[in-house]
């Protein structure tokens, strides 16, 4: 490998490297905000969802957050032991559970949601609607590709929109 090839090989990937870095920044930012609320970031995100959309079926929470059943159970165990959620049998599915926020969980979940909404609004103030649409297309493509890879299924043929140097 010559010097040019080594330099190119060491260059950050235009999509994945930036996405990974920003994801880490987002996790850190939300972690600090959640810490101020006295809750872990992952717990705060889940509680915020349940406080706004609940009661929720366990399958809905797994679909929204993409957690494995064991991870979701651990998160819910922590939230339940803290008194922020309650689990009950799902009246529509004997094997399922319904998750609802307690009164204390409603309050904390709404505060966590307000923190996330504040960050979301600050971001949206700095971008154009078409920027958001492009960002969403990138994330959909990532989700489609990785979802098929995780399930071990051959991904379907998909349309391409030109080279990486093409602008939207």
Protein backbone atom coordinates (compact mmCIF):
# COMPACT_ATOMS: atom_id res chain seq x y z
CA UNK A 1 0.00 0.00 0.00
CA UNK A 2 1.48 3.36 -0.98
CA UNK A 3 1.29 6.58 1.08
CA UNK A 4 -1.83 7.85 -0.73
CA UNK A 5 -3.68 4.55 -0.20
CA UNK A 6 -2.71 4.55 3.51
CA UNK A 7 -3.99 8.12 3.88
CA UNK A 8 -7.27 7.27 2.13
CA UNK A 9 -7.70 4.13 4.24
CA UNK A 10 -7.19 6.15 7.44
CA UNK A 11 -9.65 8.92 6.44
CA UNK A 12 -12.91 9.02 8.38
CA UNK A 13 -15.87 7.42 6.65
CA UNK A 14 -18.20 10.23 5.51
CA UNK A 15 -21.37 8.72 6.97
CA UNK A 16 -20.48 6.22 9.67
CA UNK A 17 -17.61 8.12 11.35
CA UNK A 18 -19.62 11.33 11.70
CA UNK A 19 -22.77 9.50 12.77
CA UNK A 20 -20.86 7.53 15.39
CA UNK A 21 -19.17 10.65 16.78
CA UNK A 22 -22.44 12.59 16.98
CA UNK A 23 -24.21 9.60 18.52
CA UNK A 24 -21.58 9.53 21.27
CA UNK A 25 -22.04 13.29 21.80
CA UNK A 26 -25.81 12.83 21.98
CA UNK A 27 -25.45 10.00 24.50
CA UNK A 28 -23.13 12.15 26.61
CA UNK A 29 -25.42 15.19 26.44
CA UNK A 30 -28.55 13.22 27.30
CA UNK A 31 -26.63 11.37 30.00
CA UNK A 32 -25.70 14.63 31.70
CA UNK A 33 -29.27 15.93 31.47
CA UNK A 34 -30.67 12.65 32.79
CA UNK A 35 -28.15 12.64 35.63
CA UNK A 36 -29.49 16.06 36.68
CA UNK A 37 -32.93 14.43 36.85
CA UNK A 38 -31.56 11.54 38.92
CA UNK A 39 -32.08 8.83 36.30
CA UNK A 40 -29.98 6.99 33.72
CA UNK A 41 -30.27 8.17 30.13
CA UNK A 42 -31.70 4.92 28.72
CA UNK A 43 -34.21 4.79 31.57
CA UNK A 44 -35.17 8.42 31.00
CA UNK A 45 -35.83 7.84 27.30
CA UNK A 46 -38.03 4.83 28.02
CA UNK A 47 -39.86 6.56 30.87
CA UNK A 48 -40.44 9.66 28.73
CA UNK A 49 -42.06 7.50 26.07
CA UNK A 50 -44.28 5.62 28.53
CA UNK A 51 -45.27 8.86 30.31
CA UNK A 52 -46.43 10.41 27.03
CA UNK A 53 -47.75 7.36 25.13
CA UNK A 54 -48.61 4.89 27.88
CA UNK A 55 -49.84 2.57 28.96
CA UNK A 56 -47.79 0.64 26.40
CA UNK A 57 -47.60 -2.99 25.47
CA UNK A 58 -44.17 -4.57 25.87
CA UNK A 59 -44.05 -5.41 22.14
CA UNK A 60 -44.57 -1.72 21.31
CA UNK A 61 -41.68 -0.69 23.54
CA UNK A 62 -39.42 -3.29 21.93
CA UNK A 63 -40.42 -2.06 18.46
CA UNK A 64 -39.87 1.62 19.32
CA UNK A 65 -36.55 1.18 21.12
CA UNK A 66 -35.17 -1.87 19.36
CA UNK A 67 -33.98 -3.55 22.56
CA UNK A 68 -33.65 -7.29 23.01
CA UNK A 69 -36.21 -8.77 25.40
CA UNK A 70 -33.58 -9.22 28.14
CA UNK A 71 -32.42 -5.59 27.83
CA UNK A 72 -35.99 -4.29 27.92
CA UNK A 73 -36.71 -6.42 30.98
CA UNK A 74 -33.63 -5.01 32.77
CA UNK A 75 -34.67 -1.43 31.97
CA UNK A 76 -38.21 -2.05 33.17
CA UNK A 77 -36.96 -3.81 36.32
CA UNK A 78 -34.91 -0.73 37.19
CA UNK A 79 -37.79 1.66 36.49
CA UNK A 80 -40.22 -0.49 38.47
CA UNK A 81 -37.90 -0.84 41.48
CA UNK A 82 -37.53 2.96 41.49
CA UNK A 83 -41.31 3.34 41.60
CA UNK A 84 -41.58 5.02 38.19
CA UNK A 85 -43.52 2.36 36.27
CA UNK A 86 -45.89 -0.51 36.91
CA UNK A 87 -46.30 -3.67 34.83
CA UNK A 88 -49.56 -5.53 34.49
CA UNK A 89 -50.78 -8.46 32.40
CA UNK A 90 -51.85 -7.46 28.88
CA UNK A 91 -55.62 -7.99 28.67
CA UNK A 92 -55.29 -8.69 24.92
CA UNK A 93 -52.39 -11.16 25.19
CA UNK A 94 -52.04 -13.54 28.13
CA UNK A 95 -48.29 -13.81 27.55
CA UNK A 96 -47.71 -10.05 27.28
CA UNK A 97 -47.35 -7.14 29.65
CA UNK A 98 -48.60 -3.57 29.70
CA UNK A 99 -46.34 -0.86 31.12
CA UNK A 100 -47.69 2.34 32.69
CA UNK A 101 -45.98 5.22 34.44
CA UNK A 102 -46.80 5.83 38.09
CA UNK A 103 -47.65 9.34 39.20
CA UNK A 104 -43.98 9.95 40.08
CA UNK A 105 -42.96 8.36 36.77
CA UNK A 106 -45.34 10.62 34.86
CA UNK A 107 -43.70 13.69 36.36
CA UNK A 108 -40.14 12.51 35.77
CA UNK A 109 -40.97 11.17 32.30
CA UNK A 110 -42.48 14.48 31.24
CA UNK A 111 -39.40 16.33 32.50
CA UNK A 112 -37.14 13.94 30.58
CA UNK A 113 -39.31 14.42 27.49
CA UNK A 114 -39.09 18.22 27.86
CA UNK A 115 -35.27 17.98 27.95
CA UNK A 116 -35.27 15.93 24.72
CA UNK A 117 -37.77 18.29 23.06
CA UNK A 118 -35.60 21.28 23.97
CA UNK A 119 -32.58 19.67 22.28
CA UNK A 120 -34.67 18.65 19.27
CA UNK A 121 -35.96 22.19 18.84
CA UNK A 122 -32.46 23.66 19.10
CA UNK A 123 -31.32 21.33 16.33
CA UNK A 124 -34.35 22.05 14.13
CA UNK A 125 -33.69 25.79 14.45
CA UNK A 126 -30.30 25.27 12.80
CA UNK A 127 -31.40 23.18 9.81
CA UNK A 128 -33.72 23.44 6.82
CA UNK A 129 -36.64 21.04 6.28
CA UNK A 130 -34.83 19.45 3.34
CA UNK A 131 -31.79 18.84 5.58
CA UNK A 132 -34.04 16.92 7.96
CA UNK A 133 -35.49 14.93 5.05
CA UNK A 134 -31.98 14.00 3.88
CA UNK A 135 -30.97 13.01 7.39
CA UNK A 136 -34.07 10.83 7.69
CA UNK A 137 -33.25 9.14 4.35
CA UNK A 138 -29.75 8.31 5.61
CA UNK A 139 -31.13 6.85 8.84
CA UNK A 140 -33.80 4.85 7.01
CA UNK A 141 -31.12 3.39 4.72
CA UNK A 142 -28.96 2.54 7.73
CA UNK A 143 -31.93 0.93 9.47
CA UNK A 144 -32.87 -1.11 6.43
CA UNK A 145 -29.34 -2.34 5.81
CA UNK A 146 -28.54 -3.19 9.42
CA UNK A 147 -31.96 -4.70 10.10
CA UNK A 148 -31.48 -7.20 7.30
CA UNK A 149 -27.91 -7.89 8.44
CA UNK A 150 -29.04 -8.50 12.04
CA UNK A 151 -31.72 -10.94 10.94
CA UNK A 152 -29.33 -12.74 8.57
CA UNK A 153 -31.62 -12.16 5.60
CA UNK A 154 -30.42 -11.13 2.16
CA UNK A 155 -31.38 -7.52 1.68
CA UNK A 156 -33.66 -6.68 -1.22
CA UNK A 157 -32.43 -4.74 -4.22
CA UNK A 158 -32.86 -1.07 -3.49
CA UNK A 159 -32.77 2.04 -5.62
CA UNK A 160 -29.53 4.01 -5.61
CA UNK A 161 -29.32 7.74 -6.10
CA UNK A 162 -25.86 8.16 -7.50
CA UNK A 163 -22.37 8.40 -6.09
CA UNK A 164 -21.43 9.79 -2.68
CA UNK A 165 -20.35 13.04 -4.30
CA UNK A 166 -23.86 13.72 -5.61
CA UNK A 167 -25.76 16.33 -3.63
CA UNK A 168 -29.44 16.15 -2.66
